[in-house]
């Protein structure tokens, strides 16, 4: 029965019609999930959420919300953002009510910042200097038992491109949700600056990362070796930053493990939970210890 029932996946495109690598990488990871988990087929639908104000309803099983250019406040007062936030609210309430199959959501980069705005999880501000390239990310203690992060080392590498940052978690808002901070920046150029939040799990069904877990070193290397892209990077960040990023991409293990684990495991876990007849026999690792979701601690958020 379940093997023939398709899992419907919606990709929410927040790139605002800007050329990018992220959307293609997300599509490729989703396509690779086709019939890989209990032989369930997947159906992929892309919504140009920011450019055309296209927003799905609750007819899909899994939602992946992409990165995008500019400020996470750009959409304030605009129809597309209102519809986007209404969808997030509807999914959250659907999952809280229970009694029906849950809806799963993954927020990436720009979407992560907007999610932090919507739930008022932390301070969101413009960085002094844009983050650009491949950076080390540090897991918190709470990530040890998270299915998506468990197989990553304590410090792993990720593609990170952002002008804004999510910092200083609001514990009084995180705790009632039962949200966990799973990763932070490993280091800042200035030690007095707070480390940005890099991954937050809102619930068993909803999670987001500031970095790009979909990033593929091969396509990124091709993209940034194009003369026009190289010129743009060198003009904005300098030659040293450009060649440092190229060196990371030429050593694919730096982000390949991140790509192979996080989004694929998110899809695997979601599809398993949408296949209740066999879910309990296949999940190899629970999201949390003892089946109970702890509140966030200040230690975990700032270590």
C-alpha atoms as a PDB file:
ATOM      1  CA  UNK A   1       0.000   0.000   0.000  1.00  0.00           C
ATOM      2  CA  UNK A   2       2.505   2.596   1.163  1.00  0.00           C
ATOM      3  CA  UNK A   3       5.058   1.770  -1.526  1.00  0.00           C
ATOM      4  CA  UNK A   4       2.816   3.243  -4.237  1.00  0.00           C
ATOM      5  CA  UNK A   5       1.621   6.333  -2.355  1.00  0.00           C
ATOM      6  CA  UNK A   6       3.710   9.346  -3.447  1.00  0.00           C
ATOM      7  CA  UNK A   7       5.290  11.709  -0.931  1.00  0.00           C
ATOM      8  CA  UNK A   8       4.494  15.239  -2.077  1.00  0.00           C
ATOM      9  CA  UNK A   9       7.379  17.678  -1.640  1.00  0.00           C
ATOM     10  CA  UNK A  10       7.051  21.447  -2.099  1.00  0.00           C
ATOM     11  CA  UNK A  11      10.143  23.581  -2.654  1.00  0.00           C
ATOM     12  CA  UNK A  12       9.515  27.216  -1.730  1.00  0.00           C
ATOM     13  CA  UNK A  13      11.777  29.331  -3.964  1.00  0.00           C
ATOM     14  CA  UNK A  14      12.820  32.553  -2.198  1.00  0.00           C
ATOM     15  CA  UNK A  15      15.553  33.503  -4.690  1.00  0.00           C
ATOM     16  CA  UNK A  16      13.324  36.201  -6.243  1.00  0.00           C
ATOM     17  CA  UNK A  17      14.277  35.132  -9.793  1.00  0.00           C
ATOM     18  CA  UNK A  18      17.985  35.631  -9.073  1.00  0.00           C
ATOM     19  CA  UNK A  19      20.369  33.099 -10.714  1.00  0.00           C
ATOM     20  CA  UNK A  20      21.596  30.648  -8.091  1.00  0.00           C
ATOM     21  CA  UNK A  21      23.019  27.194  -7.470  1.00  0.00           C
ATOM     22  CA  UNK A  22      20.901  26.371  -4.446  1.00  0.00           C
ATOM     23  CA  UNK A  23      17.636  25.524  -6.154  1.00  0.00           C
ATOM     24  CA  UNK A  24      19.207  23.039  -8.544  1.00  0.00           C
ATOM     25  CA  UNK A  25      21.040  21.354  -5.666  1.00  0.00           C
ATOM     26  CA  UNK A  26      17.828  21.044  -3.644  1.00  0.00           C
ATOM     27  CA  UNK A  27      16.002  19.514  -6.622  1.00  0.00           C
ATOM     28  CA  UNK A  28      18.816  17.016  -7.153  1.00  0.00           C
ATOM     29  CA  UNK A  29      18.738  15.869  -3.516  1.00  0.00           C
ATOM     30  CA  UNK A  30      14.951  15.478  -3.671  1.00  0.00           C
ATOM     31  CA  UNK A  31      15.160  13.490  -6.916  1.00  0.00           C
ATOM     32  CA  UNK A  32      17.699  11.151  -5.313  1.00  0.00           C
ATOM     33  CA  UNK A  33      15.151  10.370  -2.596  1.00  0.00           C
ATOM     34  CA  UNK A  34      12.738   8.907  -5.172  1.00  0.00           C
ATOM     35  CA  UNK A  35      11.918   5.335  -4.093  1.00  0.00           C
ATOM     36  CA  UNK A  36      14.986   5.264  -1.830  1.00  0.00           C
ATOM     37  CA  UNK A  37      12.987   5.092   1.409  1.00  0.00           C
ATOM     38  CA  UNK A  38      10.668   2.077   1.562  1.00  0.00           C
ATOM     39  CA  UNK A  39      10.303   2.450  -2.237  1.00  0.00           C
ATOM     40  CA  UNK A  40       8.042   5.485  -1.752  1.00  0.00           C
ATOM     41  CA  UNK A  41       7.911   7.681  -4.893  1.00  0.00           C
ATOM     42  CA  UNK A  42       8.360  11.423  -4.450  1.00  0.00           C
ATOM     43  CA  UNK A  43       6.569  14.179  -6.336  1.00  0.00           C
ATOM     44  CA  UNK A  44       8.361  17.527  -6.480  1.00  0.00           C
ATOM     45  CA  UNK A  45       6.643  20.873  -7.034  1.00  0.00           C
ATOM     46  CA  UNK A  46       8.444  24.248  -6.996  1.00  0.00           C
ATOM     47  CA  UNK A  47       6.661  27.441  -5.926  1.00  0.00           C
ATOM     48  CA  UNK A  48       8.133  30.838  -6.803  1.00  0.00           C
ATOM     49  CA  UNK A  49       7.134  32.172  -3.432  1.00  0.00           C
ATOM     50  CA  UNK A  50       8.986  35.486  -3.484  1.00  0.00           C
ATOM     51  CA  UNK A  51       8.981  36.362  -7.192  1.00  0.00           C
ATOM     52  CA  UNK A  52       5.430  35.330  -8.109  1.00  0.00           C
ATOM     53  CA  UNK A  53       3.852  35.071  -4.651  1.00  0.00           C
ATOM     54  CA  UNK A  54       3.157  31.357  -5.227  1.00  0.00           C
ATOM     55  CA  UNK A  55       2.465  29.541  -1.967  1.00  0.00           C
ATOM     56  CA  UNK A  56       1.124  26.006  -1.509  1.00  0.00           C
ATOM     57  CA  UNK A  57      -1.510  24.997   0.978  1.00  0.00           C
ATOM     58  CA  UNK A  58      -1.406  22.004   3.308  1.00  0.00           C
ATOM     59  CA  UNK A  59      -1.653  19.530   0.440  1.00  0.00           C
ATOM     60  CA  UNK A  60       2.049  18.583   0.572  1.00  0.00           C
ATOM     61  CA  UNK A  61       3.863  16.323   3.023  1.00  0.00           C
ATOM     62  CA  UNK A  62       7.300  17.967   3.081  1.00  0.00           C
ATOM     63  CA  UNK A  63       8.315  21.589   2.519  1.00  0.00           C
ATOM     64  CA  UNK A  64      11.832  22.865   1.805  1.00  0.00           C
ATOM     65  CA  UNK A  65      12.174  26.645   1.927  1.00  0.00           C
ATOM     66  CA  UNK A  66      15.231  27.968   0.087  1.00  0.00           C
ATOM     67  CA  UNK A  67      17.842  30.640   0.577  1.00  0.00           C
ATOM     68  CA  UNK A  68      17.641  33.961  -1.206  1.00  0.00           C
ATOM     69  CA  UNK A  69      19.235  37.366  -1.677  1.00  0.00           C
ATOM     70  CA  UNK A  70      18.956  40.483   0.439  1.00  0.00           C
ATOM     71  CA  UNK A  71      17.507  41.209   3.850  1.00  0.00           C
ATOM     72  CA  UNK A  72      15.106  38.902   5.731  1.00  0.00           C
ATOM     73  CA  UNK A  73      13.057  42.072   6.297  1.00  0.00           C
ATOM     74  CA  UNK A  74      12.629  42.827   2.574  1.00  0.00           C
ATOM     75  CA  UNK A  75       9.197  41.224   2.497  1.00  0.00           C
ATOM     76  CA  UNK A  76       7.657  43.184   5.359  1.00  0.00           C
ATOM     77  CA  UNK A  77       4.156  44.297   4.406  1.00  0.00           C
ATOM     78  CA  UNK A  78       4.252  42.463   1.070  1.00  0.00           C
ATOM     79  CA  UNK A  79       1.639  39.930  -0.006  1.00  0.00           C
ATOM     80  CA  UNK A  80       4.137  37.125  -0.632  1.00  0.00           C
ATOM     81  CA  UNK A  81       5.551  37.304   2.893  1.00  0.00           C
ATOM     82  CA  UNK A  82       2.098  37.357   4.473  1.00  0.00           C
ATOM     83  CA  UNK A  83       1.171  34.226   2.525  1.00  0.00           C
ATOM     84  CA  UNK A  84       4.495  32.584   3.399  1.00  0.00           C
ATOM     85  CA  UNK A  85       4.087  33.266   7.122  1.00  0.00           C
ATOM     86  CA  UNK A  86       0.471  32.098   6.997  1.00  0.00           C
ATOM     87  CA  UNK A  87       1.672  28.779   5.579  1.00  0.00           C
ATOM     88  CA  UNK A  88       4.245  28.387   8.373  1.00  0.00           C
ATOM     89  CA  UNK A  89       1.555  29.177  10.943  1.00  0.00           C
ATOM     90  CA  UNK A  90      -0.845  26.696   9.348  1.00  0.00           C
ATOM     91  CA  UNK A  91       1.777  23.938   9.334  1.00  0.00           C
ATOM     92  CA  UNK A  92       2.728  24.604  12.945  1.00  0.00           C
ATOM     93  CA  UNK A  93      -0.900  24.511  14.072  1.00  0.00           C
ATOM     94  CA  UNK A  94      -1.583  21.395  11.982  1.00  0.00           C
ATOM     95  CA  UNK A  95       1.279  19.585  13.714  1.00  0.00           C
ATOM     96  CA  UNK A  96       0.273  20.804  17.165  1.00  0.00           C
ATOM     97  CA  UNK A  97      -3.278  19.523  16.752  1.00  0.00           C
ATOM     98  CA  UNK A  98      -2.103  16.007  15.924  1.00  0.00           C
ATOM     99  CA  UNK A  99      -4.429  13.259  14.819  1.00  0.00           C
ATOM    100  CA  UNK A 100      -3.254  13.573  11.191  1.00  0.00           C
ATOM    101  CA  UNK A 101       0.022  12.819   9.390  1.00  0.00           C
ATOM    102  CA  UNK A 102       2.482  15.608  10.255  1.00  0.00           C
ATOM    103  CA  UNK A 103       3.954  18.138   7.827  1.00  0.00           C
ATOM    104  CA  UNK A 104       7.742  18.475   7.704  1.00  0.00           C
ATOM    105  CA  UNK A 105       9.651  21.701   6.975  1.00  0.00           C
ATOM    106  CA  UNK A 106      13.317  22.540   6.362  1.00  0.00           C
ATOM    107  CA  UNK A 107      14.349  26.239   6.309  1.00  0.00           C
ATOM    108  CA  UNK A 108      17.598  27.256   4.548  1.00  0.00           C
ATOM    109  CA  UNK A 109      19.597  30.498   4.975  1.00  0.00           C
ATOM    110  CA  UNK A 110      17.224  33.364   4.037  1.00  0.00           C
ATOM    111  CA  UNK A 111      14.265  31.183   5.063  1.00  0.00           C
ATOM    112  CA  UNK A 112      16.042  30.409   8.348  1.00  0.00           C
ATOM    113  CA  UNK A 113      16.314  34.122   9.100  1.00  0.00           C
ATOM    114  CA  UNK A 114      12.644  34.651   8.243  1.00  0.00           C
ATOM    115  CA  UNK A 115      11.681  31.698  10.428  1.00  0.00           C
ATOM    116  CA  UNK A 116      13.607  33.290  13.311  1.00  0.00           C
ATOM    117  CA  UNK A 117      11.635  36.488  12.690  1.00  0.00           C
ATOM    118  CA  UNK A 118       8.297  34.708  12.580  1.00  0.00           C
ATOM    119  CA  UNK A 119       8.837  32.820  15.846  1.00  0.00           C
ATOM    120  CA  UNK A 120      10.821  35.707  17.407  1.00  0.00           C
ATOM    121  CA  UNK A 121      13.608  33.309  18.351  1.00  0.00           C
ATOM    122  CA  UNK A 122      16.569  35.668  18.420  1.00  0.00           C
ATOM    123  CA  UNK A 123      18.016  39.005  17.387  1.00  0.00           C
ATOM    124  CA  UNK A 124      18.382  39.387  13.605  1.00  0.00           C
ATOM    125  CA  UNK A 125      20.758  42.043  12.368  1.00  0.00           C
ATOM    126  CA  UNK A 126      23.078  42.983   9.534  1.00  0.00           C
ATOM    127  CA  UNK A 127      26.624  41.717   9.890  1.00  0.00           C
ATOM    128  CA  UNK A 128      29.561  44.083  10.009  1.00  0.00           C
ATOM    129  CA  UNK A 129      31.109  42.034   7.232  1.00  0.00           C
ATOM    130  CA  UNK A 130      29.305  39.598   4.967  1.00  0.00           C
ATOM    131  CA  UNK A 131      30.018  35.913   5.510  1.00  0.00           C
ATOM    132  CA  UNK A 132      31.114  34.375   2.234  1.00  0.00           C
ATOM    133  CA  UNK A 133      32.590  30.970   1.546  1.00  0.00           C
ATOM    134  CA  UNK A 134      33.135  27.700   3.376  1.00  0.00           C
ATOM    135  CA  UNK A 135      33.233  28.070   7.161  1.00  0.00           C
ATOM    136  CA  UNK A 136      33.618  25.775  10.186  1.00  0.00           C
ATOM    137  CA  UNK A 137      30.420  25.197  12.151  1.00  0.00           C
ATOM    138  CA  UNK A 138      30.313  23.852  15.709  1.00  0.00           C
ATOM    139  CA  UNK A 139      27.675  21.443  16.952  1.00  0.00           C
ATOM    140  CA  UNK A 140      26.149  22.050  20.375  1.00  0.00           C
ATOM    141  CA  UNK A 141      25.692  19.267  22.909  1.00  0.00           C
ATOM    142  CA  UNK A 142      22.043  19.064  21.912  1.00  0.00           C
ATOM    143  CA  UNK A 143      23.004  18.000  18.376  1.00  0.00           C
ATOM    144  CA  UNK A 144      24.569  14.745  19.578  1.00  0.00           C
ATOM    145  CA  UNK A 145      21.255  12.903  19.533  1.00  0.00           C
ATOM    146  CA  UNK A 146      19.685  14.665  16.578  1.00  0.00           C
ATOM    147  CA  UNK A 147      19.233  12.307  13.644  1.00  0.00           C
ATOM    148  CA  UNK A 148      20.362  14.910  11.074  1.00  0.00           C
ATOM    149  CA  UNK A 149      23.537  15.942  12.903  1.00  0.00           C
ATOM    150  CA  UNK A 150      24.595  12.836  14.812  1.00  0.00           C
ATOM    151  CA  UNK A 151      27.029  11.590  12.151  1.00  0.00           C
ATOM    152  CA  UNK A 152      28.705  14.959  11.614  1.00  0.00           C
ATOM    153  CA  UNK A 153      31.889  15.708  13.572  1.00  0.00           C
ATOM    154  CA  UNK A 154      31.761  18.253  16.392  1.00  0.00           C
ATOM    155  CA  UNK A 155      33.174  20.811  13.956  1.00  0.00           C
ATOM    156  CA  UNK A 156      32.087  20.466  10.333  1.00  0.00           C
ATOM    157  CA  UNK A 157      32.241  22.632   7.218  1.00  0.00           C
ATOM    158  CA  UNK A 158      29.356  24.309   5.429  1.00  0.00           C
ATOM    159  CA  UNK A 159      28.709  26.819   2.635  1.00  0.00           C
ATOM    160  CA  UNK A 160      27.700  30.130   4.187  1.00  0.00           C
ATOM    161  CA  UNK A 161      26.661  33.264   2.268  1.00  0.00           C
ATOM    162  CA  UNK A 162      24.878  35.941   4.292  1.00  0.00           C
ATOM    163  CA  UNK A 163      24.714  39.625   5.015  1.00  0.00           C
ATOM    164  CA  UNK A 164      22.534  39.119   8.092  1.00  0.00           C
ATOM    165  CA  UNK A 165      22.874  37.009  11.203  1.00  0.00           C
ATOM    166  CA  UNK A 166      20.663  35.391  13.822  1.00  0.00           C
ATOM    167  CA  UNK A 167      22.255  35.944  17.230  1.00  0.00           C
ATOM    168  CA  UNK A 168      21.437  36.135  20.951  1.00  0.00           C
ATOM    169  CA  UNK A 169      18.683  33.505  21.264  1.00  0.00           C
ATOM    170  CA  UNK A 170      15.592  34.608  23.187  1.00  0.00           C
ATOM    171  CA  UNK A 171      15.363  31.815  25.695  1.00  0.00           C
ATOM    172  CA  UNK A 172      11.919  32.871  26.929  1.00  0.00           C
ATOM    173  CA  UNK A 173      10.584  32.309  23.398  1.00  0.00           C
ATOM    174  CA  UNK A 174      12.612  29.201  22.578  1.00  0.00           C
ATOM    175  CA  UNK A 175      11.758  27.263  25.732  1.00  0.00           C
ATOM    176  CA  UNK A 176       7.957  27.234  25.298  1.00  0.00           C
ATOM    177  CA  UNK A 177       8.407  25.848  21.797  1.00  0.00           C
ATOM    178  CA  UNK A 178      10.823  23.194  22.993  1.00  0.00           C
ATOM    179  CA  UNK A 179      13.317  24.447  20.391  1.00  0.00           C
ATOM    180  CA  UNK A 180      16.952  23.322  20.335  1.00  0.00           C
ATOM    181  CA  UNK A 181      19.980  25.234  19.054  1.00  0.00           C
ATOM    182  CA  UNK A 182      21.991  22.546  17.281  1.00  0.00           C
ATOM    183  CA  UNK A 183      24.926  24.514  15.858  1.00  0.00           C
ATOM    184  CA  UNK A 184      26.660  27.878  16.059  1.00  0.00           C
ATOM    185  CA  UNK A 185      29.533  29.633  14.331  1.00  0.00           C
ATOM    186  CA  UNK A 186      32.820  28.152  15.477  1.00  0.00           C
ATOM    187  CA  UNK A 187      34.591  31.488  15.518  1.00  0.00           C
ATOM    188  CA  UNK A 188      34.221  35.182  14.786  1.00  0.00           C
ATOM    189  CA  UNK A 189      36.835  37.550  13.414  1.00  0.00           C
ATOM    190  CA  UNK A 190      36.368  39.536  16.618  1.00  0.00           C
ATOM    191  CA  UNK A 191      36.056  37.484  19.835  1.00  0.00           C
ATOM    192  CA  UNK A 192      33.792  40.094  21.444  1.00  0.00           C
ATOM    193  CA  UNK A 193      31.031  39.501  18.865  1.00  0.00           C
ATOM    194  CA  UNK A 194      28.319  36.911  19.650  1.00  0.00           C
ATOM    195  CA  UNK A 195      28.384  33.735  17.610  1.00  0.00           C
ATOM    196  CA  UNK A 196      25.529  33.346  15.166  1.00  0.00           C
ATOM    197  CA  UNK A 197      23.048  30.504  15.419  1.00  0.00           C
ATOM    198  CA  UNK A 198      23.644  28.103  12.538  1.00  0.00           C
ATOM    199  CA  UNK A 199      20.975  25.445  13.114  1.00  0.00           C
ATOM    200  CA  UNK A 200      17.764  25.372  15.157  1.00  0.00           C
ATOM    201  CA  UNK A 201      15.262  22.561  15.551  1.00  0.00           C
ATOM    202  CA  UNK A 202      11.839  24.017  16.281  1.00  0.00           C
ATOM    203  CA  UNK A 203      10.114  20.671  16.707  1.00  0.00           C
ATOM    204  CA  UNK A 204      10.338  17.064  15.578  1.00  0.00           C
ATOM    205  CA  UNK A 205       8.934  18.198  12.212  1.00  0.00           C
ATOM    206  CA  UNK A 206      10.490  21.648  11.646  1.00  0.00           C
ATOM    207  CA  UNK A 207      14.190  22.511  11.445  1.00  0.00           C
ATOM    208  CA  UNK A 208      16.367  25.152   9.804  1.00  0.00           C
ATOM    209  CA  UNK A 209      19.999  25.942   9.068  1.00  0.00           C
ATOM    210  CA  UNK A 210      21.674  29.275   8.435  1.00  0.00           C
ATOM    211  CA  UNK A 211      24.154  27.547   6.122  1.00  0.00           C
ATOM    212  CA  UNK A 212      23.410  25.777   2.834  1.00  0.00           C
ATOM    213  CA  UNK A 213      23.262  22.010   3.460  1.00  0.00           C
ATOM    214  CA  UNK A 214      22.407  21.450  -0.207  1.00  0.00           C
ATOM    215  CA  UNK A 215      25.675  22.962  -1.483  1.00  0.00           C
ATOM    216  CA  UNK A 216      27.531  20.743  -3.942  1.00  0.00           C
ATOM    217  CA  UNK A 217      31.299  21.392  -4.215  1.00  0.00           C
ATOM    218  CA  UNK A 218      31.465  20.429  -7.889  1.00  0.00           C
ATOM    219  CA  UNK A 219      28.708  22.764  -9.063  1.00  0.00           C
ATOM    220  CA  UNK A 220      29.917  25.530  -6.744  1.00  0.00           C
ATOM    221  CA  UNK A 221      33.442  25.208  -8.104  1.00  0.00           C
ATOM    222  CA  UNK A 222      32.161  25.477 -11.677  1.00  0.00           C
ATOM    223  CA  UNK A 223      29.936  28.429 -10.728  1.00  0.00           C
ATOM    224  CA  UNK A 224      32.623  30.488  -9.007  1.00  0.00           C
ATOM    225  CA  UNK A 225      35.248  29.787 -11.640  1.00  0.00           C
ATOM    226  CA  UNK A 226      33.187  31.621 -14.234  1.00  0.00           C
ATOM    227  CA  UNK A 227      34.964  34.912 -15.079  1.00  0.00           C
ATOM    228  CA  UNK A 228      31.986  37.103 -14.198  1.00  0.00           C
ATOM    229  CA  UNK A 229      31.437  35.432 -10.827  1.00  0.00           C
ATOM    230  CA  UNK A 230      35.148  35.524 -10.033  1.00  0.00           C
ATOM    231  CA  UNK A 231      35.274  39.227 -10.829  1.00  0.00           C
ATOM    232  CA  UNK A 232      32.270  39.935  -8.578  1.00  0.00           C
ATOM    233  CA  UNK A 233      33.765  38.006  -5.665  1.00  0.00           C
ATOM    234  CA  UNK A 234      37.229  39.575  -6.001  1.00  0.00           C
ATOM    235  CA  UNK A 235      35.772  43.085  -6.259  1.00  0.00           C
ATOM    236  CA  UNK A 236      33.639  42.640  -3.139  1.00  0.00           C
ATOM    237  CA  UNK A 237      35.810  40.401  -0.939  1.00  0.00           C
ATOM    238  CA  UNK A 238      39.310  40.458  -2.413  1.00  0.00           C
ATOM    239  CA  UNK A 239      41.489  37.820  -4.029  1.00  0.00           C
ATOM    240  CA  UNK A 240      42.455  36.163  -0.739  1.00  0.00           C
ATOM    241  CA  UNK A 241      38.820  35.345   0.123  1.00  0.00           C
ATOM    242  CA  UNK A 242      38.167  34.086  -3.400  1.00  0.00           C
ATOM    243  CA  UNK A 243      41.132  31.706  -3.508  1.00  0.00           C
ATOM    244  CA  UNK A 244      40.473  30.482   0.029  1.00  0.00           C
ATOM    245  CA  UNK A 245      36.963  29.469  -1.034  1.00  0.00           C
ATOM    246  CA  UNK A 246      38.279  27.788  -4.215  1.00  0.00           C
ATOM    247  CA  UNK A 247      40.778  25.813  -2.117  1.00  0.00           C
ATOM    248  CA  UNK A 248      37.966  24.551   0.133  1.00  0.00           C
ATOM    249  CA  UNK A 249      35.894  23.535  -2.888  1.00  0.00           C
ATOM    250  CA  UNK A 250      38.828  21.710  -4.462  1.00  0.00           C
ATOM    251  CA  UNK A 251      38.984  19.590  -1.301  1.00  0.00           C
ATOM    252  CA  UNK A 252      35.408  18.274  -1.530  1.00  0.00           C
ATOM    253  CA  UNK A 253      35.418  16.514   1.838  1.00  0.00           C
ATOM    254  CA  UNK A 254      35.071  19.948   3.439  1.00  0.00           C
ATOM    255  CA  UNK A 255      31.369  20.215   2.560  1.00  0.00           C
ATOM    256  CA  UNK A 256      30.572  16.906   0.870  1.00  0.00           C
ATOM    257  CA  UNK A 257      29.777  15.206   4.190  1.00  0.00           C
ATOM    258  CA  UNK A 258      27.381  18.031   5.088  1.00  0.00           C
ATOM    259  CA  UNK A 259      25.610  17.659   1.738  1.00  0.00           C
ATOM    260  CA  UNK A 260      25.372  13.881   2.026  1.00  0.00           C
ATOM    261  CA  UNK A 261      23.965  13.857   5.540  1.00  0.00           C
ATOM    262  CA  UNK A 262      21.666  16.720   6.482  1.00  0.00           C
ATOM    263  CA  UNK A 263      19.014  17.132   3.762  1.00  0.00           C
ATOM    264  CA  UNK A 264      19.070  13.460   2.674  1.00  0.00           C
ATOM    265  CA  UNK A 265      18.568  12.365   6.295  1.00  0.00           C
ATOM    266  CA  UNK A 266      15.820  14.965   6.729  1.00  0.00           C
ATOM    267  CA  UNK A 267      13.998  13.459   3.739  1.00  0.00           C
ATOM    268  CA  UNK A 268      14.642   9.906   4.901  1.00  0.00           C
ATOM    269  CA  UNK A 269      13.378  10.581   8.409  1.00  0.00           C
ATOM    270  CA  UNK A 270      10.334  12.495   7.177  1.00  0.00           C
ATOM    271  CA  UNK A 271       9.322   9.790   4.705  1.00  0.00           C
ATOM    272  CA  UNK A 272       9.792   7.105   7.356  1.00  0.00           C
ATOM    273  CA  UNK A 273       7.514   9.007   9.712  1.00  0.00           C
ATOM    274  CA  UNK A 274       4.978   9.327   6.888  1.00  0.00           C
ATOM    275  CA  UNK A 275       5.061   5.537   6.511  1.00  0.00           C
ATOM    276  CA  UNK A 276       3.646   4.557   9.913  1.00  0.00           C
ATOM    277  CA  UNK A 277       3.187   0.851   9.261  1.00  0.00           C
ATOM    278  CA  UNK A 278       6.948   0.334   9.127  1.00  0.00           C
ATOM    279  CA  UNK A 279       8.408   3.462  10.705  1.00  0.00           C
ATOM    280  CA  UNK A 280       9.111   1.953  14.113  1.00  0.00           C
ATOM    281  CA  UNK A 281      11.274  -0.805  12.634  1.00  0.00           C
ATOM    282  CA  UNK A 282      13.532   1.375  10.510  1.00  0.00           C
ATOM    283  CA  UNK A 283      14.529   4.554  12.311  1.00  0.00           C
ATOM    284  CA  UNK A 284      17.981   3.899  13.683  1.00  0.00           C
ATOM    285  CA  UNK A 285      18.248   6.972  15.882  1.00  0.00           C
ATOM    286  CA  UNK A 286      15.647   9.064  17.726  1.00  0.00           C
ATOM    287  CA  UNK A 287      15.701  12.825  17.528  1.00  0.00           C
ATOM    288  CA  UNK A 288      16.160  13.192  21.279  1.00  0.00           C
ATOM    289  CA  UNK A 289      17.200  11.175  24.289  1.00  0.00           C
ATOM    290  CA  UNK A 290      14.594   9.000  25.948  1.00  0.00           C
ATOM    291  CA  UNK A 291      11.959  10.232  23.486  1.00  0.00           C
ATOM    292  CA  UNK A 292      11.652  13.518  25.316  1.00  0.00           C
ATOM    293  CA  UNK A 293      12.430  16.914  23.792  1.00  0.00           C
ATOM    294  CA  UNK A 294      14.356  19.105  26.242  1.00  0.00           C
ATOM    295  CA  UNK A 295      14.164  22.870  26.285  1.00  0.00           C
ATOM    296  CA  UNK A 296      17.137  24.842  25.078  1.00  0.00           C
ATOM    297  CA  UNK A 297      19.823  25.749  27.579  1.00  0.00           C
ATOM    298  CA  UNK A 298      21.914  28.900  27.615  1.00  0.00           C
ATOM    299  CA  UNK A 299      24.979  26.707  27.679  1.00  0.00           C
ATOM    300  CA  UNK A 300      24.030  24.929  24.471  1.00  0.00           C
ATOM    301  CA  UNK A 301      23.129  28.162  22.725  1.00  0.00           C
ATOM    302  CA  UNK A 302      26.397  29.885  23.479  1.00  0.00           C
ATOM    303  CA  UNK A 303      29.055  27.198  23.687  1.00  0.00           C
END
